[in-house]
PDB file of N, CA and C in Angstrom:
ATOM      1  N   UNK A   1       0.870  -0.761   0.048  1.00  0.00           N
ATOM      2  CA  UNK A   1       0.143  -0.186   0.028  1.00  0.00           C
ATOM      3  C   UNK A   1       0.872   1.133  -0.356  1.00  0.00           C
ATOM      4  N   UNK A   2       2.218   1.219   0.623  1.00  0.00           N
ATOM      5  CA  UNK A   2       2.751   2.589   0.458  1.00  0.00           C
ATOM      6  C   UNK A   2       4.427   2.803  -0.529  1.00  0.00           C
ATOM      7  N   UNK A   3       3.852   1.130  -1.386  1.00  0.00           N
ATOM      8  CA  UNK A   3       4.748   1.731  -2.805  1.00  0.00           C
ATOM      9  C   UNK A   3       5.921   0.506  -2.368  1.00  0.00           C
ATOM     10  N   UNK A   4       5.946  -0.136  -1.189  1.00  0.00           N
ATOM     11  CA  UNK A   4       7.245  -1.017  -0.425  1.00  0.00           C
ATOM     12  C   UNK A   4       7.199  -2.345  -1.812  1.00  0.00           C
ATOM     13  N   UNK A   5       8.419  -2.624  -1.877  1.00  0.00           N
ATOM     14  CA  UNK A   5       8.805  -3.789  -2.979  1.00  0.00           C
ATOM     15  C   UNK A   5       8.665  -4.699  -1.809  1.00  0.00           C
ATOM     16  N   UNK A   6       7.782  -5.971  -2.079  1.00  0.00           N
ATOM     17  CA  UNK A   6       8.168  -7.283  -1.632  1.00  0.00           C
ATOM     18  C   UNK A   6       8.598  -7.869  -2.466  1.00  0.00           C
ATOM     19  N   UNK A   7       9.532  -8.904  -2.162  1.00  0.00           N
ATOM     20  CA  UNK A   7      10.381  -9.908  -2.791  1.00  0.00           C
ATOM     21  C   UNK A   7      10.279 -11.284  -2.149  1.00  0.00           C
ATOM     22  N   UNK A   8      10.109 -12.999  -2.771  1.00  0.00           N
ATOM     23  CA  UNK A   8      10.702 -13.558  -1.918  1.00  0.00           C
ATOM     24  C   UNK A   8      10.742 -14.835  -2.981  1.00  0.00           C
ATOM     25  N   UNK A   9      11.591 -15.610  -2.614  1.00  0.00           N
ATOM     26  CA  UNK A   9      12.223 -16.969  -3.965  1.00  0.00           C
ATOM     27  C   UNK A   9      11.434 -17.773  -2.743  1.00  0.00           C
ATOM     28  N   UNK A  10      11.367 -19.104  -4.211  1.00  0.00           N
ATOM     29  CA  UNK A  10      10.665 -20.634  -3.205  1.00  0.00           C
ATOM     30  C   UNK A  10      10.102 -20.300  -2.403  1.00  0.00           C
ATOM     31  N   UNK A  11       9.926 -20.042  -0.947  1.00  0.00           N
ATOM     32  CA  UNK A  11       9.746 -20.257   0.629  1.00  0.00           C
ATOM     33  C   UNK A  11       8.838 -18.427   0.211  1.00  0.00           C
ATOM     34  N   UNK A  12       9.824 -17.637  -0.257  1.00  0.00           N
ATOM     35  CA  UNK A  12       9.527 -15.955  -0.337  1.00  0.00           C
ATOM     36  C   UNK A  12       8.774 -15.989  -1.819  1.00  0.00           C
ATOM     37  N   UNK A  13       8.285 -16.941  -2.125  1.00  0.00           N
ATOM     38  CA  UNK A  13       7.108 -16.649  -3.490  1.00  0.00           C
ATOM     39  C   UNK A  13       5.971 -16.857  -2.746  1.00  0.00           C
ATOM     40  N   UNK A  14       5.574 -18.021  -1.291  1.00  0.00           N
ATOM     41  CA  UNK A  14       4.175 -18.884  -1.328  1.00  0.00           C
ATOM     42  C   UNK A  14       3.917 -18.025  -0.268  1.00  0.00           C
ATOM     43  N   UNK A  15       4.686 -16.949   0.624  1.00  0.00           N
ATOM     44  CA  UNK A  15       4.642 -16.371   1.523  1.00  0.00           C
ATOM     45  C   UNK A  15       3.386 -15.682   1.532  1.00  0.00           C
ATOM     46  N   UNK A  16       3.661 -15.221  -0.004  1.00  0.00           N
ATOM     47  CA  UNK A  16       2.221 -13.632   0.046  1.00  0.00           C
ATOM     48  C   UNK A  16       0.959 -13.882  -0.408  1.00  0.00           C
ATOM     49  N   UNK A  17       0.631 -15.599  -0.674  1.00  0.00           N
ATOM     50  CA  UNK A  17      -0.382 -16.343  -1.076  1.00  0.00           C
ATOM     51  C   UNK A  17      -1.551 -16.607  -0.312  1.00  0.00           C
ATOM     52  N   UNK A  18      -2.418 -17.146  -0.263  1.00  0.00           N
ATOM     53  CA  UNK A  18      -3.832 -17.616   0.541  1.00  0.00           C
ATOM     54  C   UNK A  18      -2.423 -18.691   1.198  1.00  0.00           C
ATOM     55  N   UNK A  19      -2.417 -19.987   0.196  1.00  0.00           N
ATOM     56  CA  UNK A  19      -1.740 -21.013   0.359  1.00  0.00           C
ATOM     57  C   UNK A  19      -0.008 -20.907  -0.463  1.00  0.00           C
ATOM     58  N   UNK A  20      -0.164 -22.566  -0.499  1.00  0.00           N
ATOM     59  CA  UNK A  20       1.157 -22.372  -1.454  1.00  0.00           C
ATOM     60  C   UNK A  20       1.671 -24.062  -0.767  1.00  0.00           C
ATOM     61  N   UNK A  21       2.394 -24.323  -1.462  1.00  0.00           N
ATOM     62  CA  UNK A  21       3.665 -25.831  -1.624  1.00  0.00           C
ATOM     63  C   UNK A  21       4.845 -25.593  -1.318  1.00  0.00           C
ATOM     64  N   UNK A  22       5.053 -26.689   0.006  1.00  0.00           N
ATOM     65  CA  UNK A  22       6.452 -26.542   1.139  1.00  0.00           C
ATOM     66  C   UNK A  22       6.841 -27.537   0.861  1.00  0.00           C
ATOM     67  N   UNK A  23       8.510 -27.956   1.152  1.00  0.00           N
ATOM     68  CA  UNK A  23       8.763 -29.199   1.434  1.00  0.00           C
ATOM     69  C   UNK A  23       9.808 -28.796   2.786  1.00  0.00           C
ATOM     70  N   UNK A  24       9.413 -27.530   3.763  1.00  0.00           N
ATOM     71  CA  UNK A  24       9.094 -27.137   5.176  1.00  0.00           C
ATOM     72  C   UNK A  24       9.034 -28.026   6.271  1.00  0.00           C
ATOM     73  N   UNK A  25       7.984 -28.796   6.214  1.00  0.00           N
ATOM     74  CA  UNK A  25       7.188 -30.016   6.705  1.00  0.00           C
ATOM     75  C   UNK A  25       8.467 -31.388   7.072  1.00  0.00           C
ATOM     76  N   UNK A  26       8.868 -31.649   6.039  1.00  0.00           N
ATOM     77  CA  UNK A  26      10.097 -32.149   5.714  1.00  0.00           C
ATOM     78  C   UNK A  26       9.603 -33.144   4.113  1.00  0.00           C
ATOM     79  N   UNK A  27      10.367 -34.460   3.784  1.00  0.00           N
ATOM     80  CA  UNK A  27      10.219 -35.096   2.221  1.00  0.00           C
ATOM     81  C   UNK A  27       9.007 -34.803   1.545  1.00  0.00           C
ATOM     82  N   UNK A  28       7.986 -34.813   2.168  1.00  0.00           N
ATOM     83  CA  UNK A  28       6.645 -34.930   1.114  1.00  0.00           C
ATOM     84  C   UNK A  28       6.486 -33.594   1.508  1.00  0.00           C
ATOM     85  N   UNK A  29       6.042 -33.102  -0.074  1.00  0.00           N
ATOM     86  CA  UNK A  29       5.287 -32.179  -0.380  1.00  0.00           C
ATOM     87  C   UNK A  29       4.267 -31.480   0.334  1.00  0.00           C
ATOM     88  N   UNK A  30       3.391 -30.557   1.233  1.00  0.00           N
ATOM     89  CA  UNK A  30       2.617 -30.357   1.569  1.00  0.00           C
ATOM     90  C   UNK A  30       2.110 -28.780   1.314  1.00  0.00           C
ATOM     91  N   UNK A  31       0.618 -28.558   1.200  1.00  0.00           N
ATOM     92  CA  UNK A  31      -0.285 -27.491   1.078  1.00  0.00           C
ATOM     93  C   UNK A  31       0.368 -26.515   2.549  1.00  0.00           C
ATOM     94  N   UNK A  32      -0.094 -25.500   2.613  1.00  0.00           N
ATOM     95  CA  UNK A  32       0.414 -25.016   3.325  1.00  0.00           C
ATOM     96  C   UNK A  32      -0.871 -23.166   3.639  1.00  0.00           C
ATOM     97  N   UNK A  33      -1.176 -22.366   4.238  1.00  0.00           N
ATOM     98  CA  UNK A  33      -1.543 -21.496   4.617  1.00  0.00           C
ATOM     99  C   UNK A  33      -0.823 -20.351   4.549  1.00  0.00           C
ATOM    100  N   UNK A  34      -1.006 -19.410   4.034  1.00  0.00           N
ATOM    101  CA  UNK A  34      -0.320 -18.614   4.057  1.00  0.00           C
ATOM    102  C   UNK A  34      -0.518 -17.536   4.584  1.00  0.00           C
ATOM    103  N   UNK A  35      -0.266 -16.439   3.640  1.00  0.00           N
ATOM    104  CA  UNK A  35      -0.252 -14.529   4.416  1.00  0.00           C
ATOM    105  C   UNK A  35      -1.430 -14.470   3.910  1.00  0.00           C
ATOM    106  N   UNK A  36      -1.811 -14.508   2.760  1.00  0.00           N
ATOM    107  CA  UNK A  36      -2.989 -14.395   1.858  1.00  0.00           C
ATOM    108  C   UNK A  36      -3.327 -13.210   1.672  1.00  0.00           C
ATOM    109  N   UNK A  37      -1.469 -11.802   1.044  1.00  0.00           N
ATOM    110  CA  UNK A  37      -1.978 -11.093   0.234  1.00  0.00           C
ATOM    111  C   UNK A  37      -2.171 -11.303  -0.974  1.00  0.00           C
ATOM    112  N   UNK A  38      -1.698 -12.365  -1.741  1.00  0.00           N
ATOM    113  CA  UNK A  38      -2.456 -12.506  -2.781  1.00  0.00           C
ATOM    114  C   UNK A  38      -3.295 -13.679  -3.475  1.00  0.00           C
ATOM    115  N   UNK A  39      -4.193 -13.812  -4.203  1.00  0.00           N
ATOM    116  CA  UNK A  39      -5.583 -14.606  -4.085  1.00  0.00           C
ATOM    117  C   UNK A  39      -4.866 -15.699  -4.315  1.00  0.00           C
ATOM    118  N   UNK A  40      -5.437 -17.342  -3.718  1.00  0.00           N
ATOM    119  CA  UNK A  40      -4.911 -18.042  -4.362  1.00  0.00           C
ATOM    120  C   UNK A  40      -3.640 -19.423  -3.775  1.00  0.00           C
ATOM    121  N   UNK A  41      -3.587 -20.201  -4.749  1.00  0.00           N
ATOM    122  CA  UNK A  41      -1.958 -20.860  -3.827  1.00  0.00           C
ATOM    123  C   UNK A  41      -1.256 -20.393  -5.047  1.00  0.00           C
ATOM    124  N   UNK A  42       0.125 -20.759  -4.383  1.00  0.00           N
ATOM    125  CA  UNK A  42       1.434 -20.896  -5.240  1.00  0.00           C
ATOM    126  C   UNK A  42       2.765 -22.338  -5.284  1.00  0.00           C
ATOM    127  N   UNK A  43       2.960 -22.414  -6.085  1.00  0.00           N
ATOM    128  CA  UNK A  43       4.298 -23.985  -6.326  1.00  0.00           C
ATOM    129  C   UNK A  43       5.343 -23.033  -6.917  1.00  0.00           C
ATOM    130  N   UNK A  44       6.281 -22.642  -5.830  1.00  0.00           N
ATOM    131  CA  UNK A  44       7.612 -22.212  -6.427  1.00  0.00           C
ATOM    132  C   UNK A  44       8.500 -23.596  -7.238  1.00  0.00           C
ATOM    133  N   UNK A  45       9.622 -23.760  -7.359  1.00  0.00           N
ATOM    134  CA  UNK A  45      10.308 -24.324  -8.475  1.00  0.00           C
ATOM    135  C   UNK A  45       9.292 -26.072  -8.998  1.00  0.00           C
ATOM    136  N   UNK A  46       9.043 -25.354 -10.057  1.00  0.00           N
ATOM    137  CA  UNK A  46       8.515 -26.077 -10.508  1.00  0.00           C
ATOM    138  C   UNK A  46       8.893 -27.036 -11.694  1.00  0.00           C
ATOM    139  N   UNK A  47      10.183 -26.966 -12.178  1.00  0.00           N
ATOM    140  CA  UNK A  47      10.375 -27.596 -13.057  1.00  0.00           C
ATOM    141  C   UNK A  47      11.892 -28.305 -12.383  1.00  0.00           C
ATOM    142  N   UNK A  48      12.279 -27.772 -10.873  1.00  0.00           N
ATOM    143  CA  UNK A  48      14.032 -27.754 -10.788  1.00  0.00           C
ATOM    144  C   UNK A  48      12.998 -29.145  -9.929  1.00  0.00           C
ATOM    145  N   UNK A  49      11.906 -29.482  -9.396  1.00  0.00           N
ATOM    146  CA  UNK A  49      12.340 -31.129  -8.530  1.00  0.00           C
ATOM    147  C   UNK A  49      10.893 -31.913  -8.870  1.00  0.00           C
ATOM    148  N   UNK A  50      11.063 -32.304  -9.532  1.00  0.00           N
ATOM    149  CA  UNK A  50      10.384 -34.021 -10.150  1.00  0.00           C
ATOM    150  C   UNK A  50       9.521 -33.851 -10.102  1.00  0.00           C
ATOM    151  N   UNK A  51       8.887 -33.544  -8.375  1.00  0.00           N
ATOM    152  CA  UNK A  51       7.789 -34.348  -7.592  1.00  0.00           C
ATOM    153  C   UNK A  51       6.888 -33.253  -7.454  1.00  0.00           C
ATOM    154  N   UNK A  52       7.566 -31.799  -7.952  1.00  0.00           N
ATOM    155  CA  UNK A  52       6.875 -30.615  -8.133  1.00  0.00           C
ATOM    156  C   UNK A  52       4.935 -30.290  -8.188  1.00  0.00           C
ATOM    157  N   UNK A  53       5.794 -30.672 -10.143  1.00  0.00           N
ATOM    158  CA  UNK A  53       4.241 -30.491 -10.949  1.00  0.00           C
ATOM    159  C   UNK A  53       3.078 -31.474 -10.691  1.00  0.00           C
ATOM    160  N   UNK A  54       3.247 -33.162  -9.975  1.00  0.00           N
ATOM    161  CA  UNK A  54       2.655 -33.766 -10.479  1.00  0.00           C
ATOM    162  C   UNK A  54       1.936 -33.474  -8.758  1.00  0.00           C
ATOM    163  N   UNK A  55       2.590 -33.114  -7.734  1.00  0.00           N
ATOM    164  CA  UNK A  55       2.628 -33.644  -6.148  1.00  0.00           C
ATOM    165  C   UNK A  55       1.606 -31.965  -6.321  1.00  0.00           C
ATOM    166  N   UNK A  56       1.399 -30.541  -6.971  1.00  0.00           N
ATOM    167  CA  UNK A  56       0.772 -29.572  -6.836  1.00  0.00           C
ATOM    168  C   UNK A  56      -0.310 -29.861  -7.760  1.00  0.00           C
ATOM    169  N   UNK A  57      -0.430 -30.762  -8.129  1.00  0.00           N
ATOM    170  CA  UNK A  57      -1.225 -31.443  -9.410  1.00  0.00           C
ATOM    171  C   UNK A  57      -2.590 -32.034  -8.848  1.00  0.00           C
ATOM    172  N   UNK A  58      -1.846 -32.892  -7.790  1.00  0.00           N
ATOM    173  CA  UNK A  58      -2.652 -33.768  -6.443  1.00  0.00           C
ATOM    174  C   UNK A  58      -3.208 -32.761  -5.778  1.00  0.00           C
ATOM    175  N   UNK A  59      -2.805 -32.079  -4.559  1.00  0.00           N
ATOM    176  CA  UNK A  59      -3.259 -30.849  -3.618  1.00  0.00           C
ATOM    177  C   UNK A  59      -4.135 -30.155  -4.435  1.00  0.00           C
ATOM    178  N   UNK A  60      -4.081 -29.009  -5.704  1.00  0.00           N
ATOM    179  CA  UNK A  60      -5.821 -28.656  -6.373  1.00  0.00           C
ATOM    180  C   UNK A  60      -6.498 -29.916  -6.522  1.00  0.00           C
ATOM    181  N   UNK A  61      -6.629 -30.410  -7.209  1.00  0.00           N
ATOM    182  CA  UNK A  61      -7.269 -31.434  -7.041  1.00  0.00           C
ATOM    183  C   UNK A  61      -8.299 -32.301  -6.221  1.00  0.00           C
ATOM    184  N   UNK A  62      -7.492 -31.862  -5.018  1.00  0.00           N
ATOM    185  CA  UNK A  62      -8.022 -32.573  -3.479  1.00  0.00           C
ATOM    186  C   UNK A  62      -8.791 -31.629  -3.016  1.00  0.00           C
ATOM    187  N   UNK A  63      -7.990 -30.050  -4.102  1.00  0.00           N
ATOM    188  CA  UNK A  63      -9.134 -29.223  -2.654  1.00  0.00           C
ATOM    189  C   UNK A  63      -8.490 -27.870  -2.083  1.00  0.00           C
ATOM    190  N   UNK A  64      -7.027 -27.813  -2.188  1.00  0.00           N
ATOM    191  CA  UNK A  64      -6.050 -26.784  -2.446  1.00  0.00           C
ATOM    192  C   UNK A  64      -6.592 -25.836  -3.069  1.00  0.00           C
ATOM    193  N   UNK A  65      -6.042 -24.817  -2.487  1.00  0.00           N
ATOM    194  CA  UNK A  65      -6.928 -23.537  -3.625  1.00  0.00           C
ATOM    195  C   UNK A  65      -5.842 -23.118  -5.504  1.00  0.00           C
ATOM    196  N   UNK A  66      -7.045 -23.180  -6.025  1.00  0.00           N
ATOM    197  CA  UNK A  66      -6.326 -23.195  -7.014  1.00  0.00           C
ATOM    198  C   UNK A  66      -5.006 -21.880  -7.673  1.00  0.00           C
ATOM    199  N   UNK A  67      -4.300 -21.828  -8.846  1.00  0.00           N
ATOM    200  CA  UNK A  67      -2.812 -21.011  -7.919  1.00  0.00           C
ATOM    201  C   UNK A  67      -2.196 -21.101  -9.517  1.00  0.00           C
ATOM    202  N   UNK A  68      -0.902 -20.489  -9.282  1.00  0.00           N
ATOM    203  CA  UNK A  68      -0.135 -20.307 -10.086  1.00  0.00           C
ATOM    204  C   UNK A  68       1.478 -20.653  -9.229  1.00  0.00           C
ATOM    205  N   UNK A  69       2.090 -21.310 -10.530  1.00  0.00           N
ATOM    206  CA  UNK A  69       3.550 -22.233 -10.743  1.00  0.00           C
ATOM    207  C   UNK A  69       4.401 -21.493 -11.612  1.00  0.00           C
ATOM    208  N   UNK A  70       5.871 -21.937 -10.940  1.00  0.00           N
ATOM    209  CA  UNK A  70       6.664 -20.642 -11.300  1.00  0.00           C
ATOM    210  C   UNK A  70       7.626 -21.904 -11.496  1.00  0.00           C
ATOM    211  N   UNK A  71       8.066 -21.801 -12.846  1.00  0.00           N
ATOM    212  CA  UNK A  71       9.836 -22.362 -12.868  1.00  0.00           C
ATOM    213  C   UNK A  71      11.097 -22.037 -12.148  1.00  0.00           C
ATOM    214  N   UNK A  72      11.768 -22.419 -11.939  1.00  0.00           N
ATOM    215  CA  UNK A  72      12.814 -21.831 -12.154  1.00  0.00           C
ATOM    216  C   UNK A  72      13.333 -21.043 -12.823  1.00  0.00           C
ATOM    217  N   UNK A  73      13.497 -19.908 -12.035  1.00  0.00           N
ATOM    218  CA  UNK A  73      14.560 -18.640 -12.654  1.00  0.00           C
ATOM    219  C   UNK A  73      13.098 -17.583 -13.210  1.00  0.00           C
ATOM    220  N   UNK A  74      12.143 -17.742 -13.012  1.00  0.00           N
ATOM    221  CA  UNK A  74      10.364 -16.838 -13.089  1.00  0.00           C
ATOM    222  C   UNK A  74      10.734 -16.062 -12.113  1.00  0.00           C
ATOM    223  N   UNK A  75      10.565 -15.070 -12.793  1.00  0.00           N
ATOM    224  CA  UNK A  75       9.719 -14.294 -11.459  1.00  0.00           C
ATOM    225  C   UNK A  75       8.190 -13.664 -11.686  1.00  0.00           C
ATOM    226  N   UNK A  76       7.069 -13.313 -10.963  1.00  0.00           N
ATOM    227  CA  UNK A  76       6.260 -12.948 -11.337  1.00  0.00           C
ATOM    228  C   UNK A  76       6.326 -11.664 -10.636  1.00  0.00           C
ATOM    229  N   UNK A  77       5.509 -10.666 -11.454  1.00  0.00           N
ATOM    230  CA  UNK A  77       5.493  -9.310 -10.777  1.00  0.00           C
ATOM    231  C   UNK A  77       4.018  -9.171 -10.838  1.00  0.00           C
ATOM    232  N   UNK A  78       3.822  -8.701  -9.944  1.00  0.00           N
ATOM    233  CA  UNK A  78       2.483  -8.020  -9.129  1.00  0.00           C
ATOM    234  C   UNK A  78       2.751  -7.024  -8.702  1.00  0.00           C
ATOM    235  N   UNK A  79       1.622  -6.364  -9.405  1.00  0.00           N
ATOM    236  CA  UNK A  79       0.867  -4.754  -9.502  1.00  0.00           C
ATOM    237  C   UNK A  79      -0.219  -4.707  -8.155  1.00  0.00           C
ATOM    238  N   UNK A  80       0.227  -4.671  -6.630  1.00  0.00           N
ATOM    239  CA  UNK A  80      -1.279  -4.575  -6.166  1.00  0.00           C
ATOM    240  C   UNK A  80      -1.775  -6.629  -5.820  1.00  0.00           C
ATOM    241  N   UNK A  81      -2.691  -6.591  -6.208  1.00  0.00           N
ATOM    242  CA  UNK A  81      -2.751  -7.950  -6.515  1.00  0.00           C
ATOM    243  C   UNK A  81      -3.492  -8.401  -7.983  1.00  0.00           C
ATOM    244  N   UNK A  82      -2.643  -7.796  -8.242  1.00  0.00           N
ATOM    245  CA  UNK A  82      -2.892  -8.344 -10.196  1.00  0.00           C
ATOM    246  C   UNK A  82      -1.469  -8.414 -10.661  1.00  0.00           C
ATOM    247  N   UNK A  83      -1.540 -10.233 -11.147  1.00  0.00           N
ATOM    248  CA  UNK A  83      -0.355 -10.171 -11.812  1.00  0.00           C
ATOM    249  C   UNK A  83      -0.510  -9.084 -13.452  1.00  0.00           C
ATOM    250  N   UNK A  84       0.778  -9.008 -13.388  1.00  0.00           N
ATOM    251  CA  UNK A  84       1.275  -7.675 -14.364  1.00  0.00           C
ATOM    252  C   UNK A  84       1.895  -8.144 -15.189  1.00  0.00           C
ATOM    253  N   UNK A  85       3.807  -9.005 -15.296  1.00  0.00           N
ATOM    254  CA  UNK A  85       4.542  -9.265 -15.850  1.00  0.00           C
ATOM    255  C   UNK A  85       4.877 -10.828 -15.056  1.00  0.00           C
ATOM    256  N   UNK A  86       5.249 -11.661 -16.339  1.00  0.00           N
ATOM    257  CA  UNK A  86       5.780 -12.761 -15.625  1.00  0.00           C
ATOM    258  C   UNK A  86       7.304 -12.612 -16.808  1.00  0.00           C
ATOM    259  N   UNK A  87       8.632 -12.407 -16.224  1.00  0.00           N
ATOM    260  CA  UNK A  87       9.706 -12.696 -17.364  1.00  0.00           C
ATOM    261  C   UNK A  87      10.954 -13.743 -16.194  1.00  0.00           C
ATOM    262  N   UNK A  88      11.201 -14.357 -16.810  1.00  0.00           N
ATOM    263  CA  UNK A  88      12.473 -15.183 -16.768  1.00  0.00           C
ATOM    264  C   UNK A  88      14.332 -15.031 -17.645  1.00  0.00           C
ATOM    265  N   UNK A  89      14.343 -16.115 -16.377  1.00  0.00           N
ATOM    266  CA  UNK A  89      16.222 -15.877 -17.253  1.00  0.00           C
ATOM    267  C   UNK A  89      16.706 -16.823 -17.958  1.00  0.00           C
ATOM    268  N   UNK A  90      15.854 -17.916 -17.889  1.00  0.00           N
ATOM    269  CA  UNK A  90      15.942 -19.036 -19.036  1.00  0.00           C
ATOM    270  C   UNK A  90      15.156 -19.620 -19.863  1.00  0.00           C
ATOM    271  N   UNK A  91      15.481 -19.874 -20.395  1.00  0.00           N
ATOM    272  CA  UNK A  91      15.083 -20.000 -22.218  1.00  0.00           C
ATOM    273  C   UNK A  91      13.553 -21.047 -22.045  1.00  0.00           C
ATOM    274  N   UNK A  92      13.025 -21.117 -22.763  1.00  0.00           N
ATOM    275  CA  UNK A  92      11.617 -22.059 -21.944  1.00  0.00           C
ATOM    276  C   UNK A  92      11.006 -22.024 -21.205  1.00  0.00           C
ATOM    277  N   UNK A  93      11.568 -21.616 -19.577  1.00  0.00           N
ATOM    278  CA  UNK A  93      11.048 -21.444 -18.274  1.00  0.00           C
ATOM    279  C   UNK A  93       9.850 -20.578 -18.967  1.00  0.00           C
ATOM    280  N   UNK A  94       8.647 -21.223 -17.553  1.00  0.00           N
ATOM    281  CA  UNK A  94       7.438 -20.285 -17.826  1.00  0.00           C
ATOM    282  C   UNK A  94       7.247 -20.601 -16.326  1.00  0.00           C
ATOM    283  N   UNK A  95       5.480 -19.925 -16.340  1.00  0.00           N
ATOM    284  CA  UNK A  95       4.505 -19.990 -15.417  1.00  0.00           C
ATOM    285  C   UNK A  95       3.457 -20.593 -15.693  1.00  0.00           C
ATOM    286  N   UNK A  96       2.122 -21.199 -14.983  1.00  0.00           N
ATOM    287  CA  UNK A  96       1.293 -21.609 -14.905  1.00  0.00           C
ATOM    288  C   UNK A  96       0.404 -21.403 -14.329  1.00  0.00           C
ATOM    289  N   UNK A  97      -0.694 -21.240 -14.938  1.00  0.00           N
ATOM    290  CA  UNK A  97      -1.894 -21.112 -14.285  1.00  0.00           C
ATOM    291  C   UNK A  97      -3.024 -22.291 -13.967  1.00  0.00           C
ATOM    292  N   UNK A  98      -2.856 -23.195 -12.847  1.00  0.00           N
ATOM    293  CA  UNK A  98      -2.965 -24.344 -12.143  1.00  0.00           C
ATOM    294  C   UNK A  98      -4.435 -24.772 -11.741  1.00  0.00           C
ATOM    295  N   UNK A  99      -5.303 -25.187 -12.808  1.00  0.00           N
ATOM    296  CA  UNK A  99      -7.008 -25.209 -11.799  1.00  0.00           C
ATOM    297  C   UNK A  99      -7.488 -26.616 -12.041  1.00  0.00           C
ATOM    298  N   UNK A 100      -8.470 -26.933 -11.274  1.00  0.00           N
ATOM    299  CA  UNK A 100      -8.421 -28.469 -11.456  1.00  0.00           C
ATOM    300  C   UNK A 100      -9.115 -29.023 -13.064  1.00  0.00           C
ATOM    301  N   UNK A 101      -9.015 -28.156 -14.079  1.00  0.00           N
ATOM    302  CA  UNK A 101      -8.884 -28.227 -14.802  1.00  0.00           C
ATOM    303  C   UNK A 101      -8.243 -28.556 -15.878  1.00  0.00           C
ATOM    304  N   UNK A 102      -7.204 -28.735 -14.883  1.00  0.00           N
ATOM    305  CA  UNK A 102      -5.470 -28.061 -16.111  1.00  0.00           C
ATOM    306  C   UNK A 102      -4.659 -27.182 -15.654  1.00  0.00           C
ATOM    307  N   UNK A 103      -3.893 -27.242 -16.624  1.00  0.00           N
ATOM    308  CA  UNK A 103      -2.862 -26.312 -16.101  1.00  0.00           C
ATOM    309  C   UNK A 103      -2.439 -25.010 -17.881  1.00  0.00           C
ATOM    310  N   UNK A 104      -2.521 -24.230 -17.928  1.00  0.00           N
ATOM    311  CA  UNK A 104      -2.238 -23.086 -18.644  1.00  0.00           C
ATOM    312  C   UNK A 104      -0.801 -22.414 -18.656  1.00  0.00           C
ATOM    313  N   UNK A 105      -0.093 -22.461 -19.927  1.00  0.00           N
ATOM    314  CA  UNK A 105       1.191 -21.757 -19.499  1.00  0.00           C
ATOM    315  C   UNK A 105       1.022 -20.401 -20.461  1.00  0.00           C
ATOM    316  N   UNK A 106       1.544 -19.709 -18.796  1.00  0.00           N
ATOM    317  CA  UNK A 106       1.750 -17.900 -19.091  1.00  0.00           C
ATOM    318  C   UNK A 106       2.711 -17.607 -20.359  1.00  0.00           C
ATOM    319  N   UNK A 107       2.414 -16.709 -20.926  1.00  0.00           N
ATOM    320  CA  UNK A 107       3.708 -16.224 -21.440  1.00  0.00           C
ATOM    321  C   UNK A 107       4.507 -15.312 -20.795  1.00  0.00           C
ATOM    322  N   UNK A 108       5.263 -15.523 -20.967  1.00  0.00           N
ATOM    323  CA  UNK A 108       7.123 -14.995 -19.975  1.00  0.00           C
ATOM    324  C   UNK A 108       7.754 -14.174 -20.755  1.00  0.00           C
ATOM    325  N   UNK A 109       8.256 -13.000 -20.868  1.00  0.00           N
ATOM    326  CA  UNK A 109       9.204 -12.465 -21.223  1.00  0.00           C
ATOM    327  C   UNK A 109      10.396 -13.075 -21.012  1.00  0.00           C
ATOM    328  N   UNK A 110      11.340 -13.134 -21.730  1.00  0.00           N
ATOM    329  CA  UNK A 110      12.927 -13.474 -21.386  1.00  0.00           C
ATOM    330  C   UNK A 110      13.734 -12.521 -21.604  1.00  0.00           C
ATOM    331  N   UNK A 111      14.495 -12.102 -20.057  1.00  0.00           N
ATOM    332  CA  UNK A 111      15.893 -11.513 -19.774  1.00  0.00           C
ATOM    333  C   UNK A 111      16.768 -11.640 -20.598  1.00  0.00           C
ATOM    334  N   UNK A 112      17.059 -10.902 -21.129  1.00  0.00           N
ATOM    335  CA  UNK A 112      18.481 -11.152 -22.502  1.00  0.00           C
ATOM    336  C   UNK A 112      19.973 -10.924 -21.130  1.00  0.00           C
TER     337      UNK A 112
END
């Protein structure tokens, strides 16, 4: 509200959402409640850990809030509570809207 930039990677990404996917409780990925500044859920490291994509899908299908996932090297830029832009420093890396109906790859601008 005061124009302060909030930033985070991995756990620092999910903390801003209503819910997120974490390995903080042990080897099994689990959903957790977060701060709720952004609507829905989030999952980082989507392509960086082999179990992330199927586990997030499983969690969303069983009731975790629908949300957004980001591959490693992808940043989600929100202005207020609206997703403004997705950027990546890795060719081919992307973000995805994940719903019970499936997942949609979202366009990302590659940084040079």
